[in-house]
């Protein structure tokens, strides 16, 4: 009896190619592995300050940023991350070595030890360093994207915030301004169920954050934040709307933070059963790999090779960062007193935006 012919692989959605799918996997793997290496350095007291991991929600950071127009000459889209959006910065072009040196407060880190974790910017590659007060980046990015509109540029901005930050005045003022001005801005609300240790149900009476889009008069969409391709699709639609003059969008990504607020947080407010359930059934990396295999979009050999390349890259980055010098003590006075040495602002380490 003749064997039945195998069905052709399913079509890849959202105009992505196989190369795109493999690149997305590389960014997912880099994000998780880099954070694991940072955690090891933190336990060795080699990290200065806190370490904020994105374990369990890396997929939405990578997928949303991948929908942007990424360039290296200062003419592409702009992104502003929050503490758990390391993946989005890697997609935009930040390097693991920069991130490691920044976390370790090295003298040759992007901010020369004056700032920590992912508090650094590169206008050329299209990312603005985060602001610690929650929600404050929404009005900042509203202003940035207003300049795109005023200059007639087909550029888009993307800004992230957690569910707790939606209760701040800055979020309300920023998204309301962006809505009224029809700024080309995409606002990503990461609903990971906790604002530090406060469950979502105790900080808002809204059933869904996407419902707030109607109140501001902007397009809203809710998506499974651990389904990488679904998140990419939602982000791509919002970016396309912004680029064609349809204004601001709000996307609520439903995800889960499997680590505490930071490495020092033992997360007693989360049950072990809850964490284990999300890890075993809803890990974004595992789900993405399963989708690639189920649709024959990638082979085990391809993904294994990528994982090995990532491991080698990050091992080299850690070695380089550990060997980098600490800042000279007197550099602490730079940019502080009028008669002291003044260095170029850390926001202008790269040449300025050629668009002015």
Foldseek 3Di string as FASTA:
>chain_A
DDDDDDDAFDDDPPPDALVNLLVLLLLLLLQVVLLVVVVVCVVVVQFPDFQFEQFWQQLLLQLLLLLWFWAQALQTAAEEEDRHNPSSVVNLPDDSLLQLLQRNLACPHLQRSPHHHQQFDESRSHYHGYDPPFLQVLQVVLVVQLVCVVLVHLYAYEYEGELLSCPDPNNVVRLLSQLVSLGRYEYEYEDQQDPQLHGSVVRDVDPDPQVCCVVSVAAGEEDASLANSRSNVVSNVSNVCSSVRNGYYYYYHYIHRLAGRTPVDPNPSDDPVNSVVCVVPRRSSVNSVVVCVVSVSDDPVSSVVSSVVSVVSNVVSNVVSVPGHRRDPVCVCEPPDPPDHHDDPSHCPDPDNPVD
